Amino acid sequence: MKYDFDKVINRIGTNTAKWDEVEMKFGTKDVLPMWVADMDFRIAQPIIDALKERAEHGIFGYTKMSDSYKEAVCSWMEKRHEWKIEKDWVIHSPGVVPALSIIVKEFTKPGDKIIIQTPVYYPFFDVVRDNNRELICNSVKFENEKYVMDYEDLESKIDENVKMMILCSPHNPIGRVWSKEELVKLGEICMKHNIMVVSDEIHADLVYKGHKHIPFASISEEFAQNSITCFAPSKTFNIAGLQSALLSIPNKEYYDKFSLALGALDIRRDNCFGAVATETAYTEGEEWLEQLLDYLEGNLEFLTEYCEERIPKIKVNKTEGTYLVWLDCHELGMSKEELGDFMIKEAKVALDHGYWFGPEGEGFARINIACPRATLEEGLKRIENAVNRL
């Protein structure tokens, strides 16, 4: 099947956050939404067909995680990432961020320190601070036109109160796909200081040619036993609205503790449509994904060339993974507030403001390129015209 990612689909009025919450988020409806991380593409046909078939049954009762569901998850991870996981390591969560919040509550105490690598996906700040834990920011650094981990800064900030690190891999918003060597060095530091690693790998399947995602827990048995991995089909297959995420927890003590917390909240089950979509995505969605990755790579090339040729004051970060691209807007010479107002009021494009990802993000913006190329071009034209009016 050949999928048409160029087709523009009207999402307004479907109660979608990306399009129907822009006024609440940005103060106006008169913007082109290119912010929150979902795609403006119709999902894989086998998933649609499976959901229709399930809906036709007409009864939507409590749903268990079947053996075939777990087998689909395990097979996908082994095939796509050469990571062999066992069925009894797999557990459901209604989302990765809820899972992170539960993990923080269950595996640390109020006042404990938790490390994140900034600039980073902004809910990370909330799951630490809102749970009354102390946030420690280990900023990535920019060297030789590439973001890298700052291990020296990391070790300088570790003390006996640091209990956990939340890793973003691939990293959002800088788009790094961490190499095995980088992850090994990070993991060894965490092992040395008895720091648990929680790896958010929700973008694992969205990696461009020439790069390979390495699951943190796949590197060694020691790393696996000292970590929890969070992932989901939601970003990969554009089904975030079904609230279906997964964790792999090979450490039985960790697994039982997390499972007990889910039980206390009575959210141990997947919903019936999330379960069907997840299993179908992992068994029949690969053709769609391969075509999607080719299209996204074309969008990334289009974005890069457009900015180089027509908006040279905006520099496109060399993204290795995710469909979220970090734009360096420092040459526009604006404060963080001015840049935000400029994109909304002058360009009339809704991007994620860089400072949302931490102070290191000031002067940047994050653009979502998971849209038809015509939409991407329209957004870039708006930014170009606004820059030319300066």
Protein backbone atom coordinates (compact mmCIF):
# COMPACT_ATOMS: atom_id res chain seq x y z
CA MET A 1 0.00 0.00 0.00
CA LYS A 2 1.26 3.46 -0.88
CA TYR A 3 0.32 6.02 1.74
CA ASP A 4 -0.38 9.65 0.81
CA PHE A 5 1.36 11.87 3.35
CA ASP A 6 0.82 14.91 1.12
CA LYS A 7 -2.93 14.86 1.76
CA VAL A 8 -4.07 17.80 3.88
CA ILE A 9 -6.70 16.69 6.39
CA ASN A 10 -8.81 19.24 8.26
CA ARG A 11 -8.49 18.49 11.98
CA ILE A 12 -10.27 21.60 13.27
CA GLY A 13 -13.34 20.72 15.31
CA THR A 14 -12.15 17.23 16.25
CA ASN A 15 -11.17 18.40 19.76
CA THR A 16 -7.52 17.84 18.97
CA ALA A 17 -5.05 19.67 21.20
CA LYS A 18 -2.81 20.68 18.33
CA TRP A 19 -5.48 22.58 16.39
CA ASP A 20 -8.34 23.23 18.80
CA GLU A 21 -6.33 24.42 21.80
CA VAL A 22 -4.15 27.00 20.07
CA GLU A 23 -6.20 29.95 21.35
CA MET A 24 -5.94 28.67 24.92
CA LYS A 25 -2.19 28.05 24.53
CA PHE A 26 -1.11 30.99 22.38
CA GLY A 27 -3.88 33.57 22.82
CA THR A 28 -5.19 33.49 19.24
CA LYS A 29 -6.77 31.15 16.70
CA ASP A 30 -5.05 32.93 13.83
CA VAL A 31 -1.94 30.74 13.73
CA LEU A 32 -0.76 27.64 11.90
CA PRO A 33 -0.23 24.93 14.55
CA MET A 34 3.23 23.36 14.29
CA TRP A 35 3.82 22.73 17.95
CA VAL A 36 2.61 19.75 20.03
CA ALA A 37 4.06 16.35 19.09
CA ASP A 38 1.44 14.61 17.04
CA MET A 39 1.22 14.18 13.28
CA ASP A 40 -1.21 15.57 10.74
CA PHE A 41 -1.19 12.24 8.89
CA ARG A 42 -3.89 9.56 8.66
CA ILE A 43 -2.71 6.45 10.48
CA ALA A 44 -1.88 3.06 8.96
CA GLN A 45 -4.90 1.41 7.34
CA PRO A 46 -4.51 -1.92 9.22
CA ILE A 47 -4.89 -0.02 12.51
CA ILE A 48 -8.02 1.74 11.26
CA ASP A 49 -9.46 -1.58 10.06
CA ALA A 50 -8.71 -3.31 13.37
CA LEU A 51 -10.35 -0.49 15.35
CA LYS A 52 -13.43 -0.62 13.12
CA GLU A 53 -13.71 -4.37 13.62
CA ARG A 54 -13.38 -3.97 17.38
CA ALA A 55 -16.00 -1.18 17.39
CA GLU A 56 -18.43 -3.35 15.41
CA HIS A 57 -18.40 -5.90 18.22
CA GLY A 58 -20.31 -3.34 20.23
CA ILE A 59 -19.19 -4.27 23.75
CA PHE A 60 -16.26 -2.42 25.27
CA GLY A 61 -15.61 -4.01 28.64
CA TYR A 62 -12.52 -4.25 30.79
CA THR A 63 -9.62 -5.41 28.64
CA LYS A 64 -6.67 -7.59 29.59
CA MET A 65 -3.20 -7.49 28.10
CA SER A 66 -3.20 -10.66 25.98
CA ASP A 67 -0.26 -12.92 25.22
CA SER A 68 -0.45 -11.91 21.56
CA TYR A 69 -0.26 -8.24 22.61
CA LYS A 70 2.91 -8.86 24.61
CA GLU A 71 4.38 -11.04 21.87
CA ALA A 72 3.80 -8.24 19.36
CA VAL A 73 5.64 -5.78 21.61
CA CYS A 74 8.57 -8.12 22.18
CA SER A 75 8.86 -9.06 18.51
CA TRP A 76 8.85 -5.41 17.46
CA MET A 77 11.65 -4.50 19.86
CA GLU A 78 13.78 -7.42 18.76
CA LYS A 79 13.24 -6.76 15.06
CA ARG A 80 13.57 -2.97 15.07
CA HIS A 81 16.11 -2.49 17.85
CA GLU A 82 17.83 -5.86 18.37
CA TRP A 83 16.58 -5.76 21.94
CA LYS A 84 15.27 -9.02 23.31
CA ILE A 85 12.77 -8.42 26.09
CA GLU A 86 10.63 -10.94 27.94
CA LYS A 87 6.84 -10.83 28.10
CA ASP A 88 6.85 -10.71 31.88
CA TRP A 89 8.90 -7.48 31.81
CA VAL A 90 6.19 -5.63 29.87
CA ILE A 91 3.59 -3.54 31.67
CA HIS A 92 1.02 -1.01 30.49
CA SER A 93 0.68 2.66 31.42
CA PRO A 94 -1.85 5.23 30.19
CA GLY A 95 1.09 7.35 29.02
CA VAL A 96 4.82 7.84 29.40
CA VAL A 97 4.49 11.03 31.47
CA PRO A 98 2.06 9.39 33.95
CA ALA A 99 4.55 6.51 34.18
CA LEU A 100 7.39 8.92 34.93
CA SER A 101 5.36 10.56 37.68
CA ILE A 102 4.52 7.20 39.25
CA ILE A 103 8.17 6.11 39.07
CA VAL A 104 9.34 9.33 40.73
CA LYS A 105 6.81 8.83 43.54
CA GLU A 106 7.55 5.16 44.09
CA PHE A 107 11.33 5.06 43.73
CA THR A 108 12.39 8.33 45.38
CA LYS A 109 11.42 10.33 48.45
CA PRO A 110 10.45 14.01 48.83
CA GLY A 111 13.64 16.06 48.75
CA ASP A 112 15.63 13.52 46.74
CA LYS A 113 17.46 14.87 43.71
CA ILE A 114 16.65 13.84 40.15
CA ILE A 115 18.80 14.71 37.13
CA ILE A 116 17.50 15.70 33.70
CA GLN A 117 19.53 16.78 30.65
CA THR A 118 18.37 20.19 29.51
CA PRO A 119 17.04 21.63 27.26
CA VAL A 120 14.53 18.81 27.45
CA TYR A 121 10.85 17.87 27.05
CA TYR A 122 9.19 20.22 29.50
CA PRO A 123 6.92 17.72 31.36
CA PHE A 124 10.15 16.32 32.85
CA PHE A 125 10.37 19.47 34.97
CA ASP A 126 6.81 18.97 36.24
CA VAL A 127 7.11 15.30 37.21
CA VAL A 128 10.11 16.20 39.38
CA ARG A 129 9.00 19.48 40.93
CA ASP A 130 5.30 18.66 41.32
CA ASN A 131 6.26 15.54 43.26
CA ASN A 132 8.35 17.60 45.67
CA ARG A 133 11.71 16.33 44.44
CA GLU A 134 14.74 18.52 43.75
CA LEU A 135 15.55 19.11 40.11
CA ILE A 136 19.17 18.95 38.98
CA CYS A 137 19.84 20.13 35.42
CA ASN A 138 22.79 18.66 33.53
CA SER A 139 22.87 20.75 30.37
CA VAL A 140 23.98 19.23 27.10
CA LYS A 141 26.66 21.23 25.31
CA PHE A 142 27.15 22.17 21.66
CA GLU A 143 30.48 21.05 20.21
CA ASN A 144 31.55 20.75 16.56
CA GLU A 145 28.03 21.54 15.32
CA LYS A 146 26.52 18.81 17.51
CA TYR A 147 24.96 18.49 20.94
CA VAL A 148 26.80 16.12 23.30
CA MET A 149 26.47 15.06 26.91
CA ASP A 150 28.53 17.01 29.45
CA TYR A 151 29.83 14.23 31.70
CA GLU A 152 32.13 16.53 33.68
CA ASP A 153 29.20 18.76 34.61
CA LEU A 154 27.13 15.67 35.42
CA GLU A 155 29.64 14.25 37.88
CA SER A 156 30.16 17.65 39.49
CA LYS A 157 26.45 17.76 40.38
CA ILE A 158 26.15 14.27 41.85
CA ASP A 159 26.01 13.86 45.60
CA GLU A 160 24.51 11.28 47.96
CA ASN A 161 21.03 12.78 47.50
CA VAL A 162 20.89 12.16 43.75
CA LYS A 163 18.76 9.03 43.35
CA MET A 164 17.50 9.04 39.77
CA MET A 165 18.21 10.27 36.25
CA ILE A 166 15.50 10.69 33.61
CA LEU A 167 17.11 10.08 30.23
CA CYS A 168 15.51 11.32 27.00
CA SER A 169 16.57 8.95 24.21
CA PRO A 170 16.25 9.96 21.40
CA HIS A 171 16.43 13.43 22.85
CA ASN A 172 13.57 15.90 22.52
CA PRO A 173 14.02 18.73 21.41
CA ILE A 174 17.63 18.52 20.18
CA GLY A 175 17.04 15.38 18.12
CA ARG A 176 20.14 13.50 19.21
CA VAL A 177 20.16 9.74 18.84
CA TRP A 178 22.70 8.82 21.50
CA SER A 179 25.47 6.44 20.45
CA LYS A 180 26.26 3.28 22.37
CA GLU A 181 29.52 4.83 23.57
CA GLU A 182 27.69 7.86 24.98
CA LEU A 183 25.12 5.70 26.75
CA VAL A 184 27.78 3.38 28.17
CA LYS A 185 29.66 6.30 29.69
CA LEU A 186 26.45 7.72 31.13
CA GLY A 187 25.37 4.33 32.48
CA GLU A 188 28.73 3.70 34.13
CA ILE A 189 28.55 7.04 35.94
CA CYS A 190 25.05 6.22 37.19
CA MET A 191 26.10 2.72 38.29
CA LYS A 192 29.11 4.13 40.16
CA HIS A 193 26.89 6.52 42.11
CA ASN A 194 23.91 4.14 42.55
CA ILE A 195 21.63 6.32 40.44
CA MET A 196 18.59 4.66 38.87
CA VAL A 197 18.07 5.44 35.16
CA VAL A 198 14.57 5.97 33.79
CA SER A 199 14.84 6.04 30.01
CA ASP A 200 12.09 7.73 28.00
CA GLU A 201 12.42 6.10 24.57
CA ILE A 202 9.07 7.14 23.11
CA HIS A 203 10.75 8.40 19.90
CA ALA A 204 12.85 5.25 19.43
CA ASP A 205 11.27 4.28 16.10
CA LEU A 206 11.62 7.75 14.56
CA VAL A 207 15.29 7.72 13.59
CA TYR A 208 16.80 8.90 10.31
CA LYS A 209 19.19 7.08 8.00
CA GLY A 210 22.74 6.82 9.27
CA HIS A 211 21.66 6.64 12.91
CA LYS A 212 20.54 3.80 15.16
CA HIS A 213 18.62 3.91 18.40
CA ILE A 214 20.24 1.89 21.19
CA PRO A 215 17.86 0.96 24.03
CA PHE A 216 19.67 1.83 27.25
CA ALA A 217 18.68 -1.46 28.91
CA SER A 218 19.99 -3.50 25.96
CA ILE A 219 23.60 -2.53 26.61
CA SER A 220 24.23 -4.79 29.60
CA GLU A 221 22.49 -6.83 32.27
CA GLU A 222 23.74 -4.36 34.89
CA PHE A 223 22.14 -1.44 33.05
CA ALA A 224 18.92 -3.40 32.55
CA GLN A 225 18.62 -4.19 36.26
CA ASN A 226 19.29 -0.55 37.19
CA SER A 227 16.75 0.97 34.81
CA ILE A 228 13.16 1.24 33.64
CA THR A 229 12.44 1.86 29.96
CA CYS A 230 9.33 3.74 28.85
CA PHE A 231 8.12 3.56 25.25
CA ALA A 232 4.89 3.65 23.24
CA PRO A 233 3.41 3.30 19.78
CA SER A 234 1.85 6.75 20.21
CA LYS A 235 4.49 8.94 18.52
CA THR A 236 5.50 6.25 16.01
CA PHE A 237 2.01 5.50 14.73
CA ASN A 238 0.19 8.76 15.60
CA ILE A 239 -2.17 7.20 18.16
CA ALA A 240 -1.39 9.33 21.23
CA GLY A 241 -5.09 9.95 21.81
CA LEU A 242 -5.60 6.27 22.66
CA GLN A 243 -3.55 6.70 25.86
CA SER A 244 -1.51 3.54 25.49
CA ALA A 245 2.12 3.31 26.60
CA LEU A 246 4.42 0.53 27.78
CA LEU A 247 7.32 -0.09 30.10
CA SER A 248 9.96 -2.78 30.13
CA ILE A 249 11.10 -3.57 33.67
CA PRO A 250 13.42 -6.60 33.89
CA ASN A 251 14.21 -5.97 37.57
CA LYS A 252 11.45 -7.94 39.34
CA GLU A 253 11.57 -5.79 42.46
CA TYR A 254 11.08 -2.68 40.32
CA TYR A 255 8.35 -4.38 38.27
CA ASP A 256 6.36 -5.43 41.34
CA LYS A 257 6.68 -1.97 42.88
CA PHE A 258 5.46 -0.23 39.73
CA SER A 259 2.66 -2.78 39.23
CA LEU A 260 1.46 -2.26 42.81
CA ALA A 261 1.33 1.50 42.22
CA LEU A 262 -0.75 1.00 39.07
CA GLY A 263 -3.07 -1.27 41.00
CA ALA A 264 -3.54 1.32 43.73
CA LEU A 265 -4.63 3.79 41.06
CA ASP A 266 -6.69 1.11 39.26
CA ILE A 267 -5.02 1.86 35.92
CA ARG A 268 -3.32 -1.48 35.33
CA ARG A 269 -5.43 -2.27 32.26
CA ASP A 270 -5.13 -0.86 28.74
CA ASN A 271 -8.36 0.40 27.16
CA CYS A 272 -9.90 -1.90 24.56
CA PHE A 273 -9.09 0.35 21.60
CA GLY A 274 -5.58 1.14 22.79
CA ALA A 275 -4.82 -2.55 23.10
CA VAL A 276 -6.07 -3.30 19.59
CA ALA A 277 -4.22 -0.35 18.06
CA THR A 278 -0.96 -1.20 19.83
CA GLU A 279 -0.95 -4.85 18.82
CA THR A 280 -1.92 -4.06 15.23
CA ALA A 281 0.66 -1.28 14.95
CA TYR A 282 3.46 -3.61 16.02
CA THR A 283 2.33 -6.48 13.80
CA GLU A 284 1.05 -4.70 10.68
CA GLY A 285 2.30 -1.10 10.82
CA GLU A 286 5.87 -1.41 9.58
CA GLU A 287 5.09 -0.65 5.92
CA TRP A 288 3.40 2.62 6.93
CA LEU A 289 6.30 3.51 9.24
CA GLU A 290 8.95 2.98 6.56
CA GLN A 291 7.05 5.26 4.17
CA LEU A 292 6.56 7.79 6.96
CA LEU A 293 10.29 7.90 7.73
CA ASP A 294 11.10 8.55 4.07
CA TYR A 295 8.54 11.38 4.00
CA LEU A 296 9.81 12.92 7.23
CA GLU A 297 13.36 12.81 5.95
CA GLY A 298 12.16 14.69 2.86
CA ASN A 299 10.48 17.27 5.10
CA LEU A 300 13.68 17.67 7.11
CA GLU A 301 15.68 18.25 3.93
CA PHE A 302 13.05 20.73 2.70
CA LEU A 303 13.15 22.63 5.99
CA THR A 304 16.95 22.75 6.07
CA GLU A 305 17.30 23.94 2.47
CA TYR A 306 14.51 26.49 2.83
CA CYS A 307 16.10 28.09 5.87
CA GLU A 308 19.60 28.06 4.37
CA GLU A 309 18.41 29.71 1.16
CA ARG A 310 15.59 31.98 2.31
CA ILE A 311 15.75 32.47 6.11
CA PRO A 312 19.52 32.26 6.82
CA LYS A 313 19.12 33.97 10.20
CA ILE A 314 17.38 30.80 11.42
CA LYS A 315 19.68 27.81 11.74
CA VAL A 316 18.29 24.27 11.61
CA ASN A 317 19.79 21.85 14.11
CA LYS A 318 21.09 18.63 12.54
CA THR A 319 18.30 16.37 13.73
CA GLU A 320 19.07 12.63 13.94
CA GLY A 321 15.70 11.45 15.21
CA THR A 322 12.12 12.53 16.07
CA TYR A 323 9.95 14.75 13.87
CA LEU A 324 10.63 17.73 16.14
CA VAL A 325 13.34 20.11 14.96
CA TRP A 326 15.27 22.64 17.03
CA LEU A 327 15.58 26.04 15.36
CA ASP A 328 18.31 28.46 16.44
CA CYS A 329 16.82 31.94 16.14
CA HIS A 330 19.52 33.91 17.99
CA GLU A 331 20.46 35.93 14.92
CA LEU A 332 17.04 37.55 15.01
CA GLY A 333 18.34 39.38 18.09
CA MET A 334 15.22 38.95 20.22
CA SER A 335 14.58 38.17 23.85
CA LYS A 336 12.66 35.00 24.62
CA GLU A 337 9.43 36.97 25.02
CA GLU A 338 10.02 38.93 21.82
CA LEU A 339 10.75 35.75 19.86
CA GLY A 340 7.58 34.12 21.12
CA ASP A 341 5.49 37.17 20.24
CA PHE A 342 7.17 37.42 16.84
CA MET A 343 6.27 33.85 15.86
CA ILE A 344 2.68 34.19 17.08
CA LYS A 345 1.79 37.77 16.17
CA GLU A 346 3.97 38.45 13.14
CA ALA A 347 4.62 35.05 11.52
CA LYS A 348 1.31 33.63 12.77
CA VAL A 349 2.88 30.23 13.36
CA ALA A 350 2.50 28.31 16.63
CA LEU A 351 5.83 26.71 17.55
CA ASP A 352 6.94 25.43 20.94
CA HIS A 353 8.88 28.26 22.57
CA GLY A 354 12.46 27.24 23.25
CA TYR A 355 12.47 28.50 26.83
CA TRP A 356 9.73 25.99 27.70
CA PHE A 357 12.50 23.36 27.54
CA GLY A 358 14.65 25.19 30.10
CA PRO A 359 16.74 28.39 30.13
CA GLU A 360 19.16 26.80 27.65
CA GLY A 361 16.33 26.98 25.11
CA GLU A 362 16.10 30.77 25.08
CA GLY A 363 16.57 32.00 21.51
CA PHE A 364 15.31 28.71 20.07
CA ALA A 365 11.98 27.37 18.85
CA ARG A 366 10.83 23.80 18.18
CA ILE A 367 8.95 23.03 14.98
CA ASN A 368 6.91 19.89 14.26
CA ILE A 369 7.57 18.71 10.68
CA ALA A 370 5.13 15.78 10.81
CA CYS A 371 2.70 17.44 8.43
CA PRO A 372 2.05 17.54 4.68
CA ARG A 373 4.85 19.36 2.85
CA ALA A 374 2.39 22.04 1.74
CA THR A 375 1.68 22.81 5.41
CA LEU A 376 5.38 22.93 6.20
CA GLU A 377 6.00 25.24 3.25
CA GLU A 378 3.15 27.52 4.33
CA GLY A 379 4.61 27.78 7.84
CA LEU A 380 8.07 28.59 6.50
CA LYS A 381 6.69 31.20 4.11
CA ARG A 382 4.96 32.89 7.02
CA ILE A 383 8.19 32.97 9.02
CA GLU A 384 10.19 34.18 5.99
CA ASN A 385 7.76 37.03 5.28
CA ALA A 386 7.78 38.06 8.93
CA VAL A 387 11.60 38.05 9.05
CA ASN A 388 11.73 40.13 5.86
CA ARG A 389 9.49 42.76 7.48
CA LEU A 390 11.91 43.28 10.36
